[in-house]
PDB file of N, CA and C in Angstrom:
ATOM      1  N   MET A   1      73.304  13.454  44.196  1.00  0.00           N
ATOM      2  CA  MET A   1      72.403  12.535  44.859  1.00  0.00           C
ATOM      3  C   MET A   1      72.688  11.085  44.480  1.00  0.00           C
ATOM      4  N   PHE A   2      73.011  10.844  43.203  1.00  0.00           N
ATOM      5  CA  PHE A   2      73.216   9.468  42.750  1.00  0.00           C
ATOM      6  C   PHE A   2      74.690   9.107  42.594  1.00  0.00           C
ATOM      7  N   GLY A   3      75.583  10.002  43.003  1.00  0.00           N
ATOM      8  CA  GLY A   3      77.008   9.724  42.926  1.00  0.00           C
ATOM      9  C   GLY A   3      77.562   9.786  41.519  1.00  0.00           C
ATOM     10  N   THR A   4      76.886  10.504  40.635  1.00  0.00           N
ATOM     11  CA  THR A   4      77.313  10.555  39.237  1.00  0.00           C
ATOM     12  C   THR A   4      77.848  11.925  38.835  1.00  0.00           C
ATOM     13  N   VAL A   5      78.070  12.790  39.800  1.00  0.00           N
ATOM     14  CA  VAL A   5      78.527  14.142  39.498  1.00  0.00           C
ATOM     15  C   VAL A   5      79.933  14.122  38.886  1.00  0.00           C
ATOM     16  N   ASP A   6      80.149  15.020  37.945  1.00  0.00           N
ATOM     17  CA  ASP A   6      81.467  15.203  37.340  1.00  0.00           C
ATOM     18  C   ASP A   6      82.253  16.127  38.262  1.00  0.00           C
ATOM     19  N   VAL A   7      83.053  15.537  39.144  1.00  0.00           N
ATOM     20  CA  VAL A   7      83.748  16.293  40.180  1.00  0.00           C
ATOM     21  C   VAL A   7      84.701  17.312  39.570  1.00  0.00           C
ATOM     22  N   ALA A   8      85.388  16.964  38.498  1.00  0.00           N
ATOM     23  CA  ALA A   8      86.305  17.910  37.854  1.00  0.00           C
ATOM     24  C   ALA A   8      85.553  19.139  37.349  1.00  0.00           C
ATOM     25  N   ALA A   9      84.398  18.934  36.725  1.00  0.00           N
ATOM     26  CA  ALA A   9      83.605  20.062  36.241  1.00  0.00           C
ATOM     27  C   ALA A   9      83.078  20.888  37.413  1.00  0.00           C
ATOM     28  N   LEU A  10      82.695  20.216  38.465  1.00  0.00           N
ATOM     29  CA  LEU A  10      82.207  20.910  39.645  1.00  0.00           C
ATOM     30  C   LEU A  10      83.299  21.778  40.253  1.00  0.00           C
ATOM     31  N   ARG A  11      84.503  21.232  40.335  1.00  0.00           N
ATOM     32  CA  ARG A  11      85.639  22.003  40.848  1.00  0.00           C
ATOM     33  C   ARG A  11      85.907  23.225  39.971  1.00  0.00           C
ATOM     34  N   ALA A  12      85.813  23.058  38.666  1.00  0.00           N
ATOM     35  CA  ALA A  12      86.053  24.170  37.733  1.00  0.00           C
ATOM     36  C   ALA A  12      84.987  25.248  37.896  1.00  0.00           C
ATOM     37  N   ASP A  13      83.746  24.838  38.119  1.00  0.00           N
ATOM     38  CA  ASP A  13      82.642  25.796  38.235  1.00  0.00           C
ATOM     39  C   ASP A  13      82.558  26.450  39.607  1.00  0.00           C
ATOM     40  N   LEU A  14      82.758  25.671  40.657  1.00  0.00           N
ATOM     41  CA  LEU A  14      82.512  26.155  42.015  1.00  0.00           C
ATOM     42  C   LEU A  14      83.768  26.392  42.841  1.00  0.00           C
ATOM     43  N   GLY A  15      84.864  25.769  42.450  1.00  0.00           N
ATOM     44  CA  GLY A  15      86.066  25.807  43.272  1.00  0.00           C
ATOM     45  C   GLY A  15      86.161  24.536  44.101  1.00  0.00           C
ATOM     46  N   ALA A  16      87.356  24.280  44.589  1.00  0.00           N
ATOM     47  CA  ALA A  16      87.625  23.017  45.281  1.00  0.00           C
ATOM     48  C   ALA A  16      86.803  22.846  46.551  1.00  0.00           C
ATOM     49  N   ASP A  17      86.722  23.892  47.392  1.00  0.00           N
ATOM     50  CA  ASP A  17      86.011  23.749  48.662  1.00  0.00           C
ATOM     51  C   ASP A  17      84.527  23.468  48.453  1.00  0.00           C
ATOM     52  N   ALA A  18      83.891  24.237  47.573  1.00  0.00           N
ATOM     53  CA  ALA A  18      82.463  24.041  47.317  1.00  0.00           C
ATOM     54  C   ALA A  18      82.210  22.687  46.661  1.00  0.00           C
ATOM     55  N   ALA A  19      83.104  22.270  45.776  1.00  0.00           N
ATOM     56  CA  ALA A  19      82.947  20.966  45.122  1.00  0.00           C
ATOM     57  C   ALA A  19      83.053  19.844  46.147  1.00  0.00           C
ATOM     58  N   ASP A  20      84.021  19.940  47.043  1.00  0.00           N
ATOM     59  CA  ASP A  20      84.169  18.920  48.087  1.00  0.00           C
ATOM     60  C   ASP A  20      82.935  18.876  48.982  1.00  0.00           C
ATOM     61  N   GLU A  21      82.388  20.040  49.292  1.00  0.00           N
ATOM     62  CA  GLU A  21      81.178  20.122  50.110  1.00  0.00           C
ATOM     63  C   GLU A  21      79.996  19.471  49.393  1.00  0.00           C
ATOM     64  N   ALA A  22      79.872  19.726  48.092  1.00  0.00           N
ATOM     65  CA  ALA A  22      78.777  19.147  47.310  1.00  0.00           C
ATOM     66  C   ALA A  22      78.909  17.632  47.226  1.00  0.00           C
ATOM     67  N   VAL A  23      80.115  17.134  47.035  1.00  0.00           N
ATOM     68  CA  VAL A  23      80.346  15.692  46.968  1.00  0.00           C
ATOM     69  C   VAL A  23      80.011  15.057  48.317  1.00  0.00           C
ATOM     70  N   HIS A  24      80.438  15.702  49.395  1.00  0.00           N
ATOM     71  CA  HIS A  24      80.127  15.185  50.734  1.00  0.00           C
ATOM     72  C   HIS A  24      78.616  15.141  50.959  1.00  0.00           C
ATOM     73  N   LEU A  25      77.917  16.200  50.583  1.00  0.00           N
ATOM     74  CA  LEU A  25      76.465  16.248  50.751  1.00  0.00           C
ATOM     75  C   LEU A  25      75.799  15.147  49.937  1.00  0.00           C
ATOM     76  N   SER A  26      76.285  14.915  48.728  1.00  0.00           N
ATOM     77  CA  SER A  26      75.745  13.842  47.893  1.00  0.00           C
ATOM     78  C   SER A  26      75.915  12.487  48.584  1.00  0.00           C
ATOM     79  N   GLU A  27      77.075  12.263  49.177  1.00  0.00           N
ATOM     80  CA  GLU A  27      77.331  11.004  49.868  1.00  0.00           C
ATOM     81  C   GLU A  27      76.406  10.833  51.075  1.00  0.00           C
ATOM     82  N   VAL A  28      76.197  11.918  51.823  1.00  0.00           N
ATOM     83  CA  VAL A  28      75.308  11.862  52.987  1.00  0.00           C
ATOM     84  C   VAL A  28      73.885  11.539  52.545  1.00  0.00           C
ATOM     85  N   MET A  29      73.408  12.230  51.514  1.00  0.00           N
ATOM     86  CA  MET A  29      72.043  11.989  51.031  1.00  0.00           C
ATOM     87  C   MET A  29      71.878  10.562  50.519  1.00  0.00           C
ATOM     88  N   ARG A  30      72.849  10.096  49.769  1.00  0.00           N
ATOM     89  CA  ARG A  30      72.772   8.740  49.222  1.00  0.00           C
ATOM     90  C   ARG A  30      72.745   7.719  50.361  1.00  0.00           C
ATOM     91  N   THR A  31      73.578   7.927  51.362  1.00  0.00           N
ATOM     92  CA  THR A  31      73.605   7.027  52.515  1.00  0.00           C
ATOM     93  C   THR A  31      72.264   7.025  53.236  1.00  0.00           C
ATOM     94  N   ASP A  32      71.698   8.214  53.441  1.00  0.00           N
ATOM     95  CA  ASP A  32      70.400   8.309  54.114  1.00  0.00           C
ATOM     96  C   ASP A  32      69.314   7.592  53.323  1.00  0.00           C
ATOM     97  N   TRP A  33      69.256   7.822  52.015  1.00  0.00           N
ATOM     98  CA  TRP A  33      68.233   7.196  51.178  1.00  0.00           C
ATOM     99  C   TRP A  33      68.397   5.681  51.158  1.00  0.00           C
ATOM    100  N   LEU A  34      69.627   5.211  51.056  1.00  0.00           N
ATOM    101  CA  LEU A  34      69.861   3.764  51.036  1.00  0.00           C
ATOM    102  C   LEU A  34      69.493   3.125  52.378  1.00  0.00           C
ATOM    103  N   ARG A  35      69.835   3.810  53.477  1.00  0.00           N
ATOM    104  CA  ARG A  35      69.476   3.295  54.803  1.00  0.00           C
ATOM    105  C   ARG A  35      67.964   3.179  54.911  1.00  0.00           C
ATOM    106  N   PHE A  36      67.250   4.218  54.466  1.00  0.00           N
ATOM    107  CA  PHE A  36      65.797   4.191  54.538  1.00  0.00           C
ATOM    108  C   PHE A  36      65.220   3.091  53.650  1.00  0.00           C
ATOM    109  N   ALA A  37      65.760   2.941  52.428  1.00  0.00           N
ATOM    110  CA  ALA A  37      65.245   1.937  51.494  1.00  0.00           C
ATOM    111  C   ALA A  37      65.477   0.517  52.000  1.00  0.00           C
ATOM    112  N   THR A  38      66.584   0.299  52.686  1.00  0.00           N
ATOM    113  CA  THR A  38      66.896  -1.064  53.123  1.00  0.00           C
ATOM    114  C   THR A  38      66.356  -1.408  54.510  1.00  0.00           C
ATOM    115  N   THR A  39      66.198  -0.402  55.380  1.00  0.00           N
ATOM    116  CA  THR A  39      65.779  -0.699  56.753  1.00  0.00           C
ATOM    117  C   THR A  39      64.479  -0.019  57.157  1.00  0.00           C
ATOM    118  N   GLY A  40      64.047   0.991  56.403  1.00  0.00           N
ATOM    119  CA  GLY A  40      62.871   1.765  56.784  1.00  0.00           C
ATOM    120  C   GLY A  40      63.185   2.836  57.813  1.00  0.00           C
ATOM    121  N   ASP A  41      64.440   2.923  58.221  1.00  0.00           N
ATOM    122  CA  ASP A  41      64.881   3.924  59.202  1.00  0.00           C
ATOM    123  C   ASP A  41      65.840   4.893  58.526  1.00  0.00           C
ATOM    124  N   PRO A  42      65.463   6.156  58.370  1.00  0.00           N
ATOM    125  CA  PRO A  42      66.349   7.095  57.692  1.00  0.00           C
ATOM    126  C   PRO A  42      67.512   7.561  58.562  1.00  0.00           C
ATOM    127  N   GLY A  43      67.443   7.317  59.872  1.00  0.00           N
ATOM    128  CA  GLY A  43      68.541   7.720  60.743  1.00  0.00           C
ATOM    129  C   GLY A  43      68.226   8.942  61.592  1.00  0.00           C
ATOM    130  N   TRP A  44      67.014   9.413  61.547  1.00  0.00           N
ATOM    131  CA  TRP A  44      66.583  10.519  62.401  1.00  0.00           C
ATOM    132  C   TRP A  44      65.170  10.233  62.865  1.00  0.00           C
ATOM    133  N   PRO A  45      64.682  10.990  63.867  1.00  0.00           N
ATOM    134  CA  PRO A  45      63.353  10.703  64.418  1.00  0.00           C
ATOM    135  C   PRO A  45      62.240  10.831  63.382  1.00  0.00           C
ATOM    136  N   ARG A  46      61.220  10.011  63.539  1.00  0.00           N
ATOM    137  CA  ARG A  46      60.048  10.033  62.677  1.00  0.00           C
ATOM    138  C   ARG A  46      59.381  11.402  62.751  1.00  0.00           C
ATOM    139  N   TYR A  47      58.864  11.856  61.615  1.00  0.00           N
ATOM    140  CA  TYR A  47      58.133  13.119  61.545  1.00  0.00           C
ATOM    141  C   TYR A  47      56.879  13.030  62.399  1.00  0.00           C
ATOM    142  N   GLU A  48      56.666  14.012  63.216  1.00  0.00           N
ATOM    143  CA  GLU A  48      55.469  14.104  64.048  1.00  0.00           C
ATOM    144  C   GLU A  48      54.847  15.477  63.827  1.00  0.00           C
ATOM    145  N   PRO A  49      53.547  15.561  63.582  1.00  0.00           N
ATOM    146  CA  PRO A  49      52.914  16.855  63.312  1.00  0.00           C
ATOM    147  C   PRO A  49      53.120  17.909  64.396  1.00  0.00           C
ATOM    148  N   HIS A  50      53.205  17.490  65.649  1.00  0.00           N
ATOM    149  CA  HIS A  50      53.355  18.489  66.720  1.00  0.00           C
ATOM    150  C   HIS A  50      54.773  19.056  66.791  1.00  0.00           C
ATOM    151  N   GLY A  51      55.780  18.319  66.390  1.00  0.00           N
ATOM    152  CA  GLY A  51      57.156  18.801  66.454  1.00  0.00           C
ATOM    153  C   GLY A  51      57.717  19.212  65.109  1.00  0.00           C
ATOM    154  N   ARG A  52      57.242  18.531  64.047  1.00  0.00           N
ATOM    155  CA  ARG A  52      57.640  18.818  62.671  1.00  0.00           C
ATOM    156  C   ARG A  52      59.157  18.834  62.469  1.00  0.00           C
ATOM    157  N   SER A  53      59.868  17.920  63.123  1.00  0.00           N
ATOM    158  CA  SER A  53      61.306  17.872  62.880  1.00  0.00           C
ATOM    159  C   SER A  53      61.553  17.387  61.451  1.00  0.00           C
ATOM    160  N   THR A  54      62.526  17.979  60.811  1.00  0.00           N
ATOM    161  CA  THR A  54      62.798  17.764  59.394  1.00  0.00           C
ATOM    162  C   THR A  54      64.294  17.625  59.177  1.00  0.00           C
ATOM    163  N   ARG A  55      64.688  16.730  58.315  1.00  0.00           N
ATOM    164  CA  ARG A  55      66.091  16.605  57.938  1.00  0.00           C
ATOM    165  C   ARG A  55      66.389  17.730  56.952  1.00  0.00           C
ATOM    166  N   VAL A  56      67.360  18.567  57.269  1.00  0.00           N
ATOM    167  CA  VAL A  56      67.748  19.681  56.411  1.00  0.00           C
ATOM    168  C   VAL A  56      69.129  19.373  55.849  1.00  0.00           C
ATOM    169  N   TYR A  57      69.203  19.252  54.532  1.00  0.00           N
ATOM    170  CA  TYR A  57      70.477  18.967  53.873  1.00  0.00           C
ATOM    171  C   TYR A  57      71.151  20.279  53.534  1.00  0.00           C
ATOM    172  N   ASP A  58      72.250  20.532  54.214  1.00  0.00           N
ATOM    173  CA  ASP A  58      73.031  21.740  54.041  1.00  0.00           C
ATOM    174  C   ASP A  58      74.493  21.334  54.136  1.00  0.00           C
ATOM    175  N   ALA A  59      75.398  22.302  54.206  1.00  0.00           N
ATOM    176  CA  ALA A  59      76.820  21.965  54.320  1.00  0.00           C
ATOM    177  C   ALA A  59      77.033  20.956  55.446  1.00  0.00           C
ATOM    178  N   GLU A  60      76.342  21.156  56.547  1.00  0.00           N
ATOM    179  CA  GLU A  60      76.304  20.180  57.641  1.00  0.00           C
ATOM    180  C   GLU A  60      74.849  19.783  57.840  1.00  0.00           C
ATOM    181  N   PRO A  61      74.437  18.642  57.311  1.00  0.00           N
ATOM    182  CA  PRO A  61      73.042  18.214  57.465  1.00  0.00           C
ATOM    183  C   PRO A  61      72.656  18.112  58.945  1.00  0.00           C
ATOM    184  N   SER A  62      71.399  18.424  59.222  1.00  0.00           N
ATOM    185  CA  SER A  62      70.929  18.382  60.597  1.00  0.00           C
ATOM    186  C   SER A  62      69.436  18.043  60.605  1.00  0.00           C
ATOM    187  N   VAL A  63      68.948  17.735  61.788  1.00  0.00           N
ATOM    188  CA  VAL A  63      67.518  17.554  62.002  1.00  0.00           C
ATOM    189  C   VAL A  63      67.101  18.715  62.894  1.00  0.00           C
ATOM    190  N   ARG A  64      66.108  19.465  62.425  1.00  0.00           N
ATOM    191  CA  ARG A  64      65.652  20.634  63.171  1.00  0.00           C
ATOM    192  C   ARG A  64      64.188  20.904  62.863  1.00  0.00           C
ATOM    193  N   PRO A  65      63.597  21.839  63.573  1.00  0.00           N
ATOM    194  CA  PRO A  65      62.192  22.160  63.274  1.00  0.00           C
ATOM    195  C   PRO A  65      62.048  22.596  61.818  1.00  0.00           C
ATOM    196  N   TYR A  66      60.907  22.288  61.243  1.00  0.00           N
ATOM    197  CA  TYR A  66      60.633  22.599  59.847  1.00  0.00           C
ATOM    198  C   TYR A  66      60.980  24.061  59.564  1.00  0.00           C
ATOM    199  N   PRO A  67      61.902  24.338  58.636  1.00  0.00           N
ATOM    200  CA  PRO A  67      62.379  25.705  58.413  1.00  0.00           C
ATOM    201  C   PRO A  67      61.378  26.629  57.721  1.00  0.00           C
ATOM    202  N   GLU A  68      60.339  26.096  57.145  1.00  0.00           N
ATOM    203  CA  GLU A  68      59.342  26.924  56.456  1.00  0.00           C
ATOM    204  C   GLU A  68      58.006  26.928  57.200  1.00  0.00           C
ATOM    205  N   GLU A  69      58.090  26.884  58.519  1.00  0.00           N
ATOM    206  CA  GLU A  69      56.877  26.798  59.331  1.00  0.00           C
ATOM    207  C   GLU A  69      55.948  27.990  59.108  1.00  0.00           C
ATOM    208  N   ALA A  70      56.475  29.196  59.004  1.00  0.00           N
ATOM    209  CA  ALA A  70      55.620  30.373  58.798  1.00  0.00           C
ATOM    210  C   ALA A  70      54.849  30.243  57.482  1.00  0.00           C
ATOM    211  N   SER A  71      55.506  29.812  56.435  1.00  0.00           N
ATOM    212  CA  SER A  71      54.851  29.628  55.142  1.00  0.00           C
ATOM    213  C   SER A  71      53.800  28.527  55.220  1.00  0.00           C
ATOM    214  N   ARG A  72      54.123  27.440  55.900  1.00  0.00           N
ATOM    215  CA  ARG A  72      53.168  26.344  56.051  1.00  0.00           C
ATOM    216  C   ARG A  72      51.899  26.835  56.739  1.00  0.00           C
ATOM    217  N   GLN A  73      52.068  27.658  57.753  1.00  0.00           N
ATOM    218  CA  GLN A  73      50.907  28.156  58.481  1.00  0.00           C
ATOM    219  C   GLN A  73      50.060  29.088  57.605  1.00  0.00           C
ATOM    220  N   ILE A  74      50.699  29.894  56.766  1.00  0.00           N
ATOM    221  CA  ILE A  74      49.959  30.789  55.872  1.00  0.00           C
ATOM    222  C   ILE A  74      49.047  29.985  54.950  1.00  0.00           C
ATOM    223  N   TRP A  75      49.556  28.866  54.416  1.00  0.00           N
ATOM    224  CA  TRP A  75      48.820  28.085  53.416  1.00  0.00           C
ATOM    225  C   TRP A  75      48.018  26.933  54.016  1.00  0.00           C
ATOM    226  N   GLU A  76      48.091  26.742  55.307  1.00  0.00           N
ATOM    227  CA  GLU A  76      47.490  25.574  55.957  1.00  0.00           C
ATOM    228  C   GLU A  76      46.012  25.369  55.624  1.00  0.00           C
ATOM    229  N   GLY A  77      45.204  26.406  55.620  1.00  0.00           N
ATOM    230  CA  GLY A  77      43.780  26.238  55.389  1.00  0.00           C
ATOM    231  C   GLY A  77      43.366  26.346  53.927  1.00  0.00           C
ATOM    232  N   HIS A  78      44.312  26.631  53.059  1.00  0.00           N
ATOM    233  CA  HIS A  78      43.989  26.804  51.633  1.00  0.00           C
ATOM    234  C   HIS A  78      43.895  25.446  50.938  1.00  0.00           C
ATOM    235  N   ARG A  79      42.868  25.275  50.157  1.00  0.00           N
ATOM    236  CA  ARG A  79      42.716  24.049  49.375  1.00  0.00           C
ATOM    237  C   ARG A  79      42.950  24.394  47.914  1.00  0.00           C
ATOM    238  N   PHE A  80      43.937  23.776  47.336  1.00  0.00           N
ATOM    239  CA  PHE A  80      44.296  24.020  45.945  1.00  0.00           C
ATOM    240  C   PHE A  80      43.460  23.135  45.033  1.00  0.00           C
ATOM    241  N   SER A  81      43.032  23.690  43.916  1.00  0.00           N
ATOM    242  CA  SER A  81      42.320  22.880  42.938  1.00  0.00           C
ATOM    243  C   SER A  81      43.353  22.163  42.072  1.00  0.00           C
ATOM    244  N   THR A  82      42.889  21.189  41.341  1.00  0.00           N
ATOM    245  CA  THR A  82      43.799  20.463  40.459  1.00  0.00           C
ATOM    246  C   THR A  82      44.176  21.347  39.272  1.00  0.00           C
ATOM    247  N   GLN A  83      45.325  21.072  38.701  1.00  0.00           N
ATOM    248  CA  GLN A  83      45.825  21.827  37.566  1.00  0.00           C
ATOM    249  C   GLN A  83      45.819  20.939  36.337  1.00  0.00           C
ATOM    250  N   ASP A  84      45.274  21.448  35.229  1.00  0.00           N
ATOM    251  CA  ASP A  84      45.294  20.712  33.985  1.00  0.00           C
ATOM    252  C   ASP A  84      46.623  20.983  33.293  1.00  0.00           C
ATOM    253  N   LEU A  85      47.530  20.065  33.404  1.00  0.00           N
ATOM    254  CA  LEU A  85      48.884  20.252  32.890  1.00  0.00           C
ATOM    255  C   LEU A  85      48.977  20.008  31.381  1.00  0.00           C
ATOM    256  N   LEU A  86      47.946  19.438  30.797  1.00  0.00           N
ATOM    257  CA  LEU A  86      48.001  19.113  29.384  1.00  0.00           C
ATOM    258  C   LEU A  86      47.432  20.211  28.488  1.00  0.00           C
ATOM    259  N   SER A  87      46.647  21.105  29.054  1.00  0.00           N
ATOM    260  CA  SER A  87      46.100  22.181  28.219  1.00  0.00           C
ATOM    261  C   SER A  87      47.108  23.311  28.120  1.00  0.00           C
ATOM    262  N   GLY A  88      47.097  24.010  27.032  1.00  0.00           N
ATOM    263  CA  GLY A  88      48.103  25.042  26.814  1.00  0.00           C
ATOM    264  C   GLY A  88      47.579  26.380  27.068  1.00  0.00           C
TER     265      GLY A  88
END
């Protein structure tokens, strides 16, 4: 995401093709975030509740309907209480 990946280590762990794919994805994400930070436009259509288009970062990033729509609908009416993260 921040362009700081150790490409040699990535190649050793994942292989050349997967490492190249990961580096490419990092570059795409960084470009998208920088575009949004500097212009307010991420490069894809604004999120709308009726369409729920979402940027999906994968080997080939795309904009498509929210991929977890079924899960969202299951939890839609549930209200979560706050969690005390400091108590053990």
